[in-house]
N, C-alpha and C. Protein backbone atom coordinates (compact mmCIF):
# COMPACT_ATOMS: atom_id res chain seq x y z
N MET A 1 -10.37 -32.68 24.88
CA MET A 1 -10.58 -31.32 24.38
C MET A 1 -11.37 -31.38 23.09
N ALA A 2 -12.40 -30.60 22.98
CA ALA A 2 -13.22 -30.59 21.79
C ALA A 2 -12.51 -29.86 20.67
N THR A 3 -12.89 -30.22 19.44
CA THR A 3 -12.32 -29.52 18.30
C THR A 3 -12.64 -28.04 18.39
N ALA A 4 -11.66 -27.22 18.14
CA ALA A 4 -11.82 -25.78 18.33
C ALA A 4 -12.73 -25.17 17.28
N THR A 5 -13.50 -24.20 17.71
CA THR A 5 -14.20 -23.33 16.77
C THR A 5 -13.35 -22.10 16.62
N LEU A 6 -12.70 -21.99 15.48
CA LEU A 6 -11.70 -20.96 15.31
C LEU A 6 -12.28 -19.71 14.65
N ASN A 7 -11.69 -18.60 15.01
CA ASN A 7 -12.12 -17.31 14.48
C ASN A 7 -11.54 -17.08 13.09
N ASN A 8 -12.44 -16.97 12.09
CA ASN A 8 -11.97 -16.75 10.72
C ASN A 8 -11.55 -15.32 10.48
N ASN A 9 -11.98 -14.40 11.35
CA ASN A 9 -11.69 -12.99 11.16
C ASN A 9 -10.46 -12.57 11.93
N ALA A 10 -9.34 -13.16 11.59
CA ALA A 10 -8.09 -12.85 12.30
C ALA A 10 -7.73 -11.40 12.08
N VAL A 11 -7.35 -10.73 13.14
CA VAL A 11 -6.97 -9.32 13.07
C VAL A 11 -5.46 -9.20 13.12
N GLN A 12 -4.90 -8.52 12.16
CA GLN A 12 -3.47 -8.22 12.20
C GLN A 12 -3.34 -6.76 11.82
N SER A 13 -3.20 -5.94 12.81
CA SER A 13 -3.20 -4.50 12.56
C SER A 13 -2.26 -3.78 13.49
N THR A 14 -1.94 -2.58 13.07
CA THR A 14 -1.10 -1.72 13.88
C THR A 14 -1.77 -0.37 13.96
N SER A 15 -1.96 0.13 15.18
CA SER A 15 -2.61 1.43 15.33
C SER A 15 -1.89 2.23 16.40
N PRO A 16 -1.89 3.54 16.27
CA PRO A 16 -1.18 4.37 17.24
C PRO A 16 -1.98 4.56 18.52
N THR A 17 -1.33 4.39 19.66
CA THR A 17 -1.96 4.67 20.94
C THR A 17 -1.50 6.03 21.45
N SER A 18 -0.41 6.53 20.91
CA SER A 18 0.11 7.87 21.21
C SER A 18 1.08 8.19 20.09
N PRO A 19 1.54 9.44 19.98
CA PRO A 19 2.48 9.78 18.90
C PRO A 19 3.77 8.97 18.92
N SER A 20 4.12 8.42 20.06
CA SER A 20 5.40 7.72 20.16
C SER A 20 5.27 6.22 20.41
N ILE A 21 4.04 5.73 20.56
CA ILE A 21 3.83 4.32 20.84
C ILE A 21 2.85 3.73 19.82
N VAL A 22 3.15 2.54 19.33
CA VAL A 22 2.27 1.84 18.40
C VAL A 22 1.86 0.52 19.03
N THR A 23 0.58 0.18 18.95
CA THR A 23 0.08 -1.08 19.48
C THR A 23 -0.21 -2.04 18.33
N GLU A 24 0.38 -3.21 18.39
CA GLU A 24 0.14 -4.23 17.38
C GLU A 24 -0.80 -5.29 17.95
N LYS A 25 -1.81 -5.68 17.18
CA LYS A 25 -2.76 -6.70 17.60
C LYS A 25 -2.95 -7.71 16.47
N PHE A 26 -2.93 -9.00 16.82
CA PHE A 26 -3.18 -10.04 15.82
C PHE A 26 -3.66 -11.31 16.54
N ASP A 27 -4.36 -12.15 15.80
CA ASP A 27 -4.89 -13.38 16.36
C ASP A 27 -3.98 -14.56 16.03
N VAL A 28 -3.85 -15.48 16.97
CA VAL A 28 -3.11 -16.72 16.74
C VAL A 28 -3.94 -17.87 17.30
N ALA A 29 -3.58 -19.08 16.91
CA ALA A 29 -4.25 -20.27 17.44
C ALA A 29 -3.22 -21.11 18.18
N TYR A 30 -3.67 -21.76 19.23
CA TYR A 30 -2.77 -22.65 19.97
C TYR A 30 -3.55 -23.86 20.45
N GLY A 31 -2.87 -24.99 20.59
CA GLY A 31 -3.55 -26.20 21.03
C GLY A 31 -2.77 -27.44 20.65
N LEU A 32 -3.48 -28.51 20.33
CA LEU A 32 -2.85 -29.78 20.00
C LEU A 32 -3.05 -30.10 18.52
N LYS A 33 -1.94 -30.34 17.85
CA LYS A 33 -1.98 -30.71 16.44
C LYS A 33 -1.67 -32.19 16.30
N THR A 34 -2.50 -32.88 15.54
CA THR A 34 -2.28 -34.31 15.31
C THR A 34 -1.12 -34.49 14.34
N VAL A 35 -0.18 -35.35 14.72
CA VAL A 35 0.95 -35.65 13.84
C VAL A 35 0.43 -36.56 12.73
N ALA A 36 0.58 -36.11 11.48
CA ALA A 36 0.02 -36.86 10.35
C ALA A 36 1.05 -37.03 9.24
N ASP A 37 0.77 -37.99 8.35
CA ASP A 37 1.66 -38.20 7.21
C ASP A 37 1.26 -37.26 6.08
N LYS A 38 1.88 -37.41 4.92
CA LYS A 38 1.62 -36.51 3.81
C LYS A 38 0.21 -36.62 3.26
N ASN A 39 -0.48 -37.70 3.63
CA ASN A 39 -1.87 -37.89 3.21
C ASN A 39 -2.86 -37.50 4.30
N ASP A 40 -2.36 -36.77 5.30
CA ASP A 40 -3.18 -36.31 6.43
C ASP A 40 -3.75 -37.46 7.26
N GLN A 41 -3.05 -38.58 7.25
CA GLN A 41 -3.47 -39.71 8.08
C GLN A 41 -2.70 -39.66 9.40
N PRO A 42 -3.41 -39.73 10.53
CA PRO A 42 -2.74 -39.65 11.84
C PRO A 42 -1.68 -40.72 12.01
N ILE A 43 -0.57 -40.35 12.62
CA ILE A 43 0.51 -41.29 12.89
C ILE A 43 0.37 -41.78 14.34
N LEU A 44 0.40 -43.08 14.52
CA LEU A 44 0.23 -43.68 15.84
C LEU A 44 1.57 -43.95 16.49
N ASP A 45 1.58 -43.90 17.82
CA ASP A 45 2.80 -44.23 18.55
C ASP A 45 2.87 -45.73 18.76
N LYS A 46 3.86 -46.18 19.52
CA LYS A 46 4.06 -47.63 19.70
C LYS A 46 2.92 -48.29 20.45
N ASP A 47 2.13 -47.48 21.17
CA ASP A 47 0.99 -48.03 21.90
C ASP A 47 -0.31 -47.93 21.11
N GLY A 48 -0.20 -47.48 19.87
CA GLY A 48 -1.38 -47.39 19.03
C GLY A 48 -2.20 -46.13 19.24
N LYS A 49 -1.66 -45.16 19.97
CA LYS A 49 -2.38 -43.92 20.21
C LYS A 49 -1.95 -42.84 19.21
N THR A 50 -2.88 -41.99 18.87
CA THR A 50 -2.58 -40.90 17.93
C THR A 50 -1.60 -39.93 18.55
N GLN A 51 -0.55 -39.63 17.81
CA GLN A 51 0.45 -38.69 18.31
C GLN A 51 -0.03 -37.25 18.12
N LYS A 52 0.12 -36.47 19.17
CA LYS A 52 -0.25 -35.06 19.11
C LYS A 52 0.87 -34.22 19.72
N GLU A 53 0.96 -32.98 19.25
CA GLU A 53 1.98 -32.08 19.76
C GLU A 53 1.40 -30.71 20.02
N ALA A 54 1.89 -30.07 21.07
CA ALA A 54 1.44 -28.72 21.40
C ALA A 54 2.06 -27.75 20.41
N VAL A 55 1.22 -26.89 19.80
CA VAL A 55 1.72 -25.98 18.77
C VAL A 55 1.11 -24.60 18.91
N LEU A 56 1.81 -23.65 18.35
CA LEU A 56 1.30 -22.29 18.15
C LEU A 56 1.22 -22.09 16.65
N ILE A 57 0.04 -21.74 16.14
CA ILE A 57 -0.15 -21.53 14.72
C ILE A 57 -0.44 -20.05 14.50
N VAL A 58 0.47 -19.37 13.84
CA VAL A 58 0.36 -17.92 13.67
C VAL A 58 -0.80 -17.55 12.75
N LYS A 59 -1.03 -18.33 11.71
CA LYS A 59 -2.12 -18.05 10.79
C LYS A 59 -3.37 -18.83 11.21
N VAL A 60 -4.39 -18.10 11.65
CA VAL A 60 -5.62 -18.73 12.13
C VAL A 60 -6.29 -19.54 11.02
N ALA A 61 -6.20 -19.08 9.79
CA ALA A 61 -6.81 -19.80 8.67
C ALA A 61 -6.19 -21.19 8.53
N GLU A 62 -4.91 -21.31 8.81
CA GLU A 62 -4.23 -22.61 8.74
C GLU A 62 -4.76 -23.53 9.83
N ALA A 63 -4.96 -22.98 11.01
CA ALA A 63 -5.51 -23.77 12.11
C ALA A 63 -6.93 -24.21 11.79
N GLU A 64 -7.70 -23.33 11.18
CA GLU A 64 -9.08 -23.65 10.78
C GLU A 64 -9.10 -24.81 9.79
N ALA A 65 -8.18 -24.77 8.84
CA ALA A 65 -8.11 -25.84 7.84
C ALA A 65 -7.76 -27.18 8.49
N LEU A 66 -6.83 -27.15 9.43
CA LEU A 66 -6.46 -28.38 10.15
C LEU A 66 -7.61 -28.86 11.01
N SER A 67 -8.33 -27.94 11.62
CA SER A 67 -9.46 -28.29 12.47
C SER A 67 -10.54 -29.00 11.67
N GLU A 68 -10.79 -28.53 10.45
CA GLU A 68 -11.81 -29.15 9.59
C GLU A 68 -11.43 -30.57 9.22
N LYS A 69 -10.13 -30.86 9.24
CA LYS A 69 -9.65 -32.22 8.95
C LYS A 69 -9.50 -33.04 10.22
N ASN A 70 -9.95 -32.47 11.36
CA ASN A 70 -9.80 -33.12 12.67
C ASN A 70 -8.34 -33.37 13.03
N LEU A 71 -7.48 -32.45 12.59
CA LEU A 71 -6.06 -32.57 12.88
C LEU A 71 -5.58 -31.52 13.87
N PHE A 72 -6.51 -30.71 14.36
CA PHE A 72 -6.14 -29.69 15.33
C PHE A 72 -7.32 -29.39 16.25
N GLU A 73 -7.02 -29.25 17.53
CA GLU A 73 -8.02 -28.83 18.50
C GLU A 73 -7.36 -27.82 19.43
N GLY A 74 -8.03 -26.68 19.59
CA GLY A 74 -7.42 -25.65 20.41
C GLY A 74 -8.26 -24.40 20.45
N SER A 75 -7.61 -23.28 20.65
CA SER A 75 -8.30 -22.01 20.81
C SER A 75 -7.55 -20.91 20.09
N THR A 76 -8.21 -19.77 19.94
CA THR A 76 -7.55 -18.59 19.41
C THR A 76 -7.43 -17.56 20.52
N ILE A 77 -6.45 -16.71 20.37
CA ILE A 77 -6.26 -15.63 21.33
C ILE A 77 -5.71 -14.42 20.58
N THR A 78 -6.10 -13.25 21.00
CA THR A 78 -5.59 -12.03 20.39
C THR A 78 -4.34 -11.58 21.14
N VAL A 79 -3.28 -11.37 20.41
CA VAL A 79 -2.02 -10.92 20.99
C VAL A 79 -1.93 -9.41 20.84
N LYS A 80 -1.58 -8.73 21.90
CA LYS A 80 -1.46 -7.28 21.89
C LYS A 80 -0.10 -6.91 22.46
N CYS A 81 0.59 -6.00 21.80
CA CYS A 81 1.90 -5.57 22.30
C CYS A 81 2.18 -4.14 21.85
N ASP A 82 2.69 -3.33 22.77
CA ASP A 82 3.09 -1.96 22.47
C ASP A 82 4.54 -1.93 22.03
N TYR A 83 4.83 -1.09 21.03
CA TYR A 83 6.19 -0.91 20.55
C TYR A 83 6.50 0.59 20.46
N PRO A 84 7.74 0.97 20.68
CA PRO A 84 8.11 2.38 20.47
C PRO A 84 7.99 2.72 18.99
N ALA A 85 7.39 3.87 18.68
CA ALA A 85 7.26 4.29 17.29
C ALA A 85 8.23 5.43 16.97
N SER A 86 8.97 5.87 17.97
CA SER A 86 9.92 6.96 17.79
C SER A 86 10.98 6.86 18.88
N PHE A 87 11.99 7.71 18.78
CA PHE A 87 13.02 7.70 19.82
C PHE A 87 12.43 8.13 21.16
N ASP A 88 11.49 9.08 21.12
CA ASP A 88 10.82 9.50 22.36
C ASP A 88 10.07 8.32 22.98
N GLY A 89 9.48 7.49 22.11
CA GLY A 89 8.77 6.31 22.61
C GLY A 89 9.72 5.33 23.25
N LEU A 90 10.92 5.20 22.69
CA LEU A 90 11.92 4.31 23.26
C LEU A 90 12.36 4.80 24.63
N ILE A 91 12.55 6.11 24.76
CA ILE A 91 12.92 6.69 26.06
C ILE A 91 11.79 6.46 27.06
N ALA A 92 10.55 6.60 26.59
CA ALA A 92 9.40 6.37 27.47
C ALA A 92 9.37 4.92 27.94
N PHE A 93 9.73 4.00 27.05
CA PHE A 93 9.81 2.59 27.43
C PHE A 93 10.84 2.40 28.52
N ALA A 94 11.99 3.04 28.36
CA ALA A 94 13.08 2.88 29.33
C ALA A 94 12.68 3.42 30.70
N ASN A 95 11.86 4.46 30.71
CA ASN A 95 11.48 5.10 31.97
C ASN A 95 10.16 4.61 32.55
N ARG A 96 9.49 3.71 31.83
CA ARG A 96 8.23 3.18 32.33
C ARG A 96 8.47 2.23 33.50
N GLU A 97 7.48 2.10 34.36
CA GLU A 97 7.60 1.14 35.46
C GLU A 97 7.24 -0.24 34.94
N TRP A 98 8.20 -1.15 35.00
CA TRP A 98 8.00 -2.52 34.53
C TRP A 98 7.98 -3.48 35.71
N LYS A 99 7.22 -4.56 35.59
CA LYS A 99 7.13 -5.55 36.66
C LYS A 99 7.57 -6.92 36.16
N ASP A 100 8.10 -7.72 37.09
CA ASP A 100 8.54 -9.07 36.74
C ASP A 100 7.36 -10.03 36.82
N ASP A 101 7.63 -11.32 36.63
CA ASP A 101 6.57 -12.33 36.63
C ASP A 101 5.85 -12.43 37.97
N ASP A 102 6.48 -11.97 39.03
CA ASP A 102 5.87 -12.02 40.36
C ASP A 102 5.15 -10.73 40.72
N GLY A 103 5.13 -9.79 39.77
CA GLY A 103 4.44 -8.53 40.03
C GLY A 103 5.27 -7.49 40.75
N LYS A 104 6.55 -7.78 40.95
CA LYS A 104 7.42 -6.83 41.62
C LYS A 104 8.03 -5.86 40.62
N VAL A 105 8.18 -4.61 41.03
CA VAL A 105 8.75 -3.59 40.15
C VAL A 105 10.22 -3.90 39.87
N ARG A 106 10.58 -3.90 38.59
CA ARG A 106 11.94 -4.21 38.20
C ARG A 106 12.87 -3.02 38.40
N ASP A 107 14.14 -3.33 38.59
CA ASP A 107 15.17 -2.31 38.70
C ASP A 107 15.26 -1.57 37.36
N PRO A 108 15.08 -0.25 37.34
CA PRO A 108 15.13 0.52 36.09
C PRO A 108 16.42 0.30 35.30
N GLU A 109 17.53 0.10 36.01
CA GLU A 109 18.80 -0.10 35.32
C GLU A 109 18.83 -1.44 34.58
N ASP A 110 18.16 -2.44 35.15
CA ASP A 110 18.08 -3.74 34.46
C ASP A 110 17.25 -3.61 33.19
N VAL A 111 16.18 -2.82 33.27
CA VAL A 111 15.33 -2.60 32.11
C VAL A 111 16.13 -1.89 31.01
N LYS A 112 16.86 -0.86 31.39
CA LYS A 112 17.65 -0.11 30.41
C LYS A 112 18.73 -1.00 29.79
N ALA A 113 19.33 -1.88 30.61
CA ALA A 113 20.35 -2.79 30.10
C ALA A 113 19.74 -3.75 29.07
N GLU A 114 18.51 -4.18 29.31
CA GLU A 114 17.83 -5.08 28.37
C GLU A 114 17.53 -4.37 27.06
N ILE A 115 17.13 -3.10 27.14
CA ILE A 115 16.85 -2.32 25.94
C ILE A 115 18.13 -2.13 25.12
N VAL A 116 19.24 -1.86 25.81
CA VAL A 116 20.53 -1.72 25.12
C VAL A 116 20.91 -3.05 24.45
N LYS A 117 20.66 -4.16 25.14
CA LYS A 117 20.98 -5.48 24.58
C LYS A 117 20.18 -5.72 23.30
N LEU A 118 18.90 -5.35 23.31
CA LEU A 118 18.07 -5.50 22.12
C LEU A 118 18.62 -4.65 20.97
N PHE A 119 19.03 -3.43 21.31
CA PHE A 119 19.59 -2.53 20.30
C PHE A 119 20.86 -3.12 19.70
N VAL A 120 21.75 -3.61 20.56
CA VAL A 120 23.03 -4.15 20.09
C VAL A 120 22.79 -5.36 19.19
N ASN A 121 21.85 -6.24 19.58
CA ASN A 121 21.56 -7.42 18.76
C ASN A 121 21.04 -7.01 17.39
N GLY A 122 20.14 -6.04 17.37
CA GLY A 122 19.61 -5.56 16.10
C GLY A 122 20.68 -4.87 15.27
N ALA A 123 21.51 -4.07 15.93
CA ALA A 123 22.58 -3.36 15.23
C ALA A 123 23.60 -4.34 14.64
N ALA A 124 23.92 -5.38 15.42
CA ALA A 124 24.90 -6.38 14.94
C ALA A 124 24.36 -7.11 13.72
N GLY A 125 23.06 -7.42 13.73
CA GLY A 125 22.45 -8.08 12.58
C GLY A 125 22.49 -7.20 11.35
N LYS A 126 22.23 -5.91 11.55
CA LYS A 126 22.25 -4.95 10.44
C LYS A 126 23.65 -4.82 9.87
N VAL A 127 24.65 -4.75 10.75
CA VAL A 127 26.04 -4.64 10.30
C VAL A 127 26.44 -5.87 9.49
N MET A 128 26.03 -7.06 9.94
CA MET A 128 26.39 -8.28 9.21
C MET A 128 25.73 -8.32 7.84
N ASN A 129 24.49 -7.84 7.76
CA ASN A 129 23.81 -7.80 6.46
C ASN A 129 24.54 -6.87 5.50
N ARG A 130 24.95 -5.70 6.00
CA ARG A 130 25.68 -4.76 5.16
C ARG A 130 27.05 -5.33 4.77
N LEU A 131 27.68 -6.04 5.71
CA LEU A 131 28.99 -6.63 5.42
C LEU A 131 28.88 -7.67 4.31
N ARG A 132 27.83 -8.50 4.37
CA ARG A 132 27.64 -9.50 3.31
C ARG A 132 27.48 -8.83 1.95
N ALA A 133 26.69 -7.74 1.94
CA ALA A 133 26.47 -7.03 0.68
C ALA A 133 27.77 -6.45 0.15
N LEU A 134 28.56 -5.85 1.03
CA LEU A 134 29.82 -5.23 0.61
C LEU A 134 30.87 -6.26 0.21
N ALA A 135 30.92 -7.36 0.97
CA ALA A 135 31.96 -8.37 0.72
C ALA A 135 31.70 -9.18 -0.54
N THR A 136 30.48 -9.20 -1.02
CA THR A 136 30.17 -9.98 -2.22
C THR A 136 29.95 -9.11 -3.45
N LYS A 137 30.10 -7.78 -3.29
CA LYS A 137 29.88 -6.86 -4.41
C LYS A 137 31.08 -6.91 -5.36
N GLN A 138 30.78 -7.09 -6.64
CA GLN A 138 31.84 -7.16 -7.66
C GLN A 138 31.60 -6.10 -8.74
N ASP A 139 32.68 -5.67 -9.35
CA ASP A 139 32.54 -4.71 -10.44
C ASP A 139 32.21 -5.44 -11.73
N LYS A 140 32.13 -4.69 -12.83
CA LYS A 140 31.73 -5.30 -14.10
C LYS A 140 32.72 -6.35 -14.61
N ASP A 141 33.97 -6.31 -14.09
CA ASP A 141 34.98 -7.28 -14.50
C ASP A 141 35.05 -8.48 -13.56
N GLY A 142 34.16 -8.51 -12.56
CA GLY A 142 34.13 -9.64 -11.64
C GLY A 142 35.09 -9.53 -10.49
N LYS A 143 35.69 -8.35 -10.31
CA LYS A 143 36.62 -8.16 -9.20
C LYS A 143 35.87 -7.66 -7.97
N PHE A 144 36.26 -8.16 -6.82
CA PHE A 144 35.62 -7.72 -5.58
C PHE A 144 35.99 -6.27 -5.31
N GLU A 145 35.00 -5.49 -4.92
CA GLU A 145 35.21 -4.06 -4.68
C GLU A 145 35.73 -3.77 -3.28
N LEU A 146 35.56 -4.72 -2.38
CA LEU A 146 36.01 -4.52 -0.99
C LEU A 146 37.53 -4.67 -0.94
N THR A 147 38.20 -3.66 -0.42
CA THR A 147 39.67 -3.70 -0.35
C THR A 147 40.14 -3.25 1.03
N GLY A 148 41.44 -3.41 1.28
CA GLY A 148 42.02 -2.98 2.54
C GLY A 148 42.03 -4.08 3.59
N ASP A 149 42.64 -3.77 4.72
CA ASP A 149 42.77 -4.75 5.80
C ASP A 149 41.70 -4.58 6.86
N VAL A 150 41.15 -3.37 7.00
CA VAL A 150 40.14 -3.10 8.03
C VAL A 150 38.99 -2.31 7.41
N ILE A 151 37.78 -2.68 7.75
CA ILE A 151 36.62 -1.93 7.29
C ILE A 151 35.78 -1.55 8.51
N ASP A 152 35.56 -0.27 8.69
CA ASP A 152 34.80 0.24 9.83
C ASP A 152 33.34 0.40 9.42
N LEU A 153 32.47 -0.40 10.01
CA LEU A 153 31.05 -0.37 9.65
C LEU A 153 30.19 0.29 10.72
N THR A 154 30.82 1.02 11.63
CA THR A 154 30.06 1.69 12.69
C THR A 154 28.98 2.59 12.12
N ASN A 155 29.31 3.28 11.05
CA ASN A 155 28.35 4.22 10.45
C ASN A 155 27.12 3.52 9.91
N GLU A 156 27.25 2.21 9.60
CA GLU A 156 26.12 1.46 9.05
C GLU A 156 25.01 1.25 10.08
N ILE A 157 25.35 1.35 11.37
CA ILE A 157 24.35 1.13 12.41
C ILE A 157 23.19 2.11 12.28
N THR A 158 23.51 3.36 11.98
CA THR A 158 22.46 4.37 11.90
C THR A 158 22.16 4.79 10.45
N SER A 159 22.69 4.03 9.50
CA SER A 159 22.42 4.36 8.10
C SER A 159 20.96 4.04 7.76
N GLY A 160 20.45 4.68 6.73
CA GLY A 160 19.07 4.47 6.32
C GLY A 160 18.83 3.03 5.89
N SER A 161 17.64 2.53 6.17
CA SER A 161 17.29 1.16 5.79
C SER A 161 17.24 1.04 4.27
N LYS A 162 17.75 -0.07 3.78
CA LYS A 162 17.75 -0.31 2.33
C LYS A 162 16.38 -0.79 1.86
N ARG A 163 15.63 -1.40 2.79
CA ARG A 163 14.32 -1.93 2.43
C ARG A 163 13.33 -1.56 3.52
N VAL A 164 12.19 -1.07 3.13
CA VAL A 164 11.18 -0.65 4.09
C VAL A 164 10.04 -1.68 4.12
N PHE A 165 9.71 -2.18 5.31
CA PHE A 165 8.62 -3.13 5.47
C PHE A 165 7.41 -2.39 6.03
N LEU A 166 6.31 -2.46 5.32
CA LEU A 166 5.10 -1.77 5.75
C LEU A 166 4.16 -2.73 6.47
N THR A 167 3.43 -2.19 7.45
CA THR A 167 2.41 -2.98 8.12
C THR A 167 1.21 -3.10 7.18
N GLU A 168 0.28 -3.97 7.53
CA GLU A 168 -0.93 -4.12 6.72
C GLU A 168 -1.66 -2.79 6.59
N ALA A 169 -1.80 -2.07 7.72
CA ALA A 169 -2.51 -0.80 7.71
C ALA A 169 -1.79 0.22 6.82
N GLN A 170 -0.46 0.26 6.89
CA GLN A 170 0.30 1.19 6.07
C GLN A 170 0.15 0.88 4.58
N LYS A 171 0.12 -0.42 4.25
CA LYS A 171 -0.04 -0.82 2.85
C LYS A 171 -1.41 -0.38 2.33
N ILE A 172 -2.44 -0.57 3.16
CA ILE A 172 -3.79 -0.19 2.75
C ILE A 172 -3.89 1.33 2.55
N TRP A 173 -3.37 2.08 3.52
CA TRP A 173 -3.42 3.54 3.42
C TRP A 173 -2.66 4.02 2.19
N LYS A 174 -1.50 3.43 1.93
CA LYS A 174 -0.70 3.81 0.78
C LYS A 174 -1.42 3.45 -0.52
N GLY A 175 -2.13 2.32 -0.50
CA GLY A 175 -2.85 1.89 -1.69
C GLY A 175 -4.03 2.77 -2.04
N LEU A 176 -4.48 3.57 -1.09
CA LEU A 176 -5.62 4.47 -1.32
C LEU A 176 -5.20 5.88 -1.73
N LYS A 177 -3.90 6.09 -1.89
CA LYS A 177 -3.37 7.45 -2.08
C LYS A 177 -3.90 8.16 -3.32
N ASP A 178 -4.31 7.42 -4.36
CA ASP A 178 -4.77 8.06 -5.59
C ASP A 178 -6.26 8.39 -5.59
N LEU A 179 -6.96 8.04 -4.52
CA LEU A 179 -8.39 8.33 -4.43
C LEU A 179 -8.60 9.76 -3.95
N PRO A 180 -9.76 10.35 -4.26
CA PRO A 180 -10.08 11.67 -3.71
C PRO A 180 -10.04 11.60 -2.19
N VAL A 181 -9.68 12.71 -1.56
CA VAL A 181 -9.49 12.74 -0.10
C VAL A 181 -10.69 12.18 0.65
N ALA A 182 -11.89 12.62 0.30
CA ALA A 182 -13.09 12.17 1.01
C ALA A 182 -13.32 10.68 0.86
N VAL A 183 -13.09 10.17 -0.37
CA VAL A 183 -13.27 8.73 -0.62
C VAL A 183 -12.21 7.94 0.12
N ARG A 184 -10.98 8.44 0.07
CA ARG A 184 -9.88 7.75 0.75
C ARG A 184 -10.16 7.60 2.24
N GLU A 185 -10.61 8.68 2.87
CA GLU A 185 -10.88 8.63 4.30
C GLU A 185 -12.08 7.75 4.62
N SER A 186 -13.06 7.73 3.71
CA SER A 186 -14.24 6.88 3.92
C SER A 186 -13.88 5.40 3.88
N VAL A 187 -13.08 5.02 2.88
CA VAL A 187 -12.64 3.63 2.76
C VAL A 187 -11.75 3.25 3.94
N TRP A 188 -10.89 4.19 4.33
CA TRP A 188 -9.99 3.95 5.46
C TRP A 188 -10.80 3.73 6.74
N LYS A 189 -11.83 4.55 6.93
CA LYS A 189 -12.68 4.43 8.11
C LYS A 189 -13.37 3.07 8.13
N ALA A 190 -13.81 2.61 6.96
CA ALA A 190 -14.47 1.30 6.87
C ALA A 190 -13.49 0.18 7.24
N TYR A 191 -12.23 0.32 6.81
CA TYR A 191 -11.20 -0.68 7.16
C TYR A 191 -10.99 -0.72 8.67
N LEU A 192 -10.87 0.46 9.29
CA LEU A 192 -10.65 0.52 10.73
C LEU A 192 -11.83 -0.08 11.50
N THR A 193 -13.03 0.22 11.04
CA THR A 193 -14.23 -0.32 11.68
C THR A 193 -14.26 -1.83 11.59
N ASN A 194 -13.90 -2.36 10.42
CA ASN A 194 -13.91 -3.80 10.19
C ASN A 194 -12.86 -4.52 11.02
N THR A 195 -11.79 -3.82 11.38
CA THR A 195 -10.72 -4.43 12.18
C THR A 195 -10.74 -3.97 13.64
N ASN A 196 -11.88 -3.40 14.03
CA ASN A 196 -12.09 -3.00 15.44
C ASN A 196 -11.05 -2.01 15.94
N GLN A 197 -10.72 -1.02 15.12
CA GLN A 197 -9.77 0.01 15.51
C GLN A 197 -10.46 1.36 15.55
N GLU A 198 -9.98 2.20 16.44
CA GLU A 198 -10.50 3.56 16.51
C GLU A 198 -10.00 4.36 15.31
N PHE A 199 -10.82 5.32 14.88
CA PHE A 199 -10.47 6.09 13.70
C PHE A 199 -9.26 6.99 13.96
N TYR A 200 -8.35 7.02 13.01
CA TYR A 200 -7.21 7.93 13.00
C TYR A 200 -6.73 8.06 11.58
N LEU A 201 -6.01 9.11 11.28
CA LEU A 201 -5.43 9.30 9.96
C LEU A 201 -3.91 9.15 10.07
N PRO A 202 -3.34 8.20 9.35
CA PRO A 202 -1.89 7.98 9.42
C PRO A 202 -1.14 9.20 8.89
N SER A 203 0.07 9.39 9.40
CA SER A 203 0.93 10.44 8.86
C SER A 203 1.51 9.92 7.56
N GLU A 204 1.67 10.79 6.59
CA GLU A 204 2.18 10.36 5.27
C GLU A 204 3.63 9.94 5.37
């Protein structure tokens, strides 16, 4: 396999395909990475051959750097995935026709069960995070504030997020908020064009 010519213009963006669905697109690299020591010298196996391992490298720039050192050979691919952007989008996901690896239509009830499983896993993780915060919270005298024999955290499942994570596009749009409207939209349009996205205006 020849050393890869990697794409330096990795795209990592999120754009709306409908009011309830968001499509995420980003580039990754995959291929063979040479196993090397801390000095970037290839490590040989018992037969004297260079050891290589199949890898997925999320940051294309990292793969490019390894490729320049002849420590990686592979390709890039753009990953695209739709996600629900609202509860209506989630319902649409549940009611969409899904197919298995053989192209056969899946049982809708199995799809719904999988969506519930994803929800429960996410909810359980959120509850544990809140529990850690509550169980380690101390007052000014160093006493633990959590008391009693039972604590019901069901309400925490739907409680507001304590920390909001913004996508790259959301960060850029937010960063332009102090510009005049016309300038803000012009810069935003340039960003979308540069990342191969159709023009749209995010909701505030």
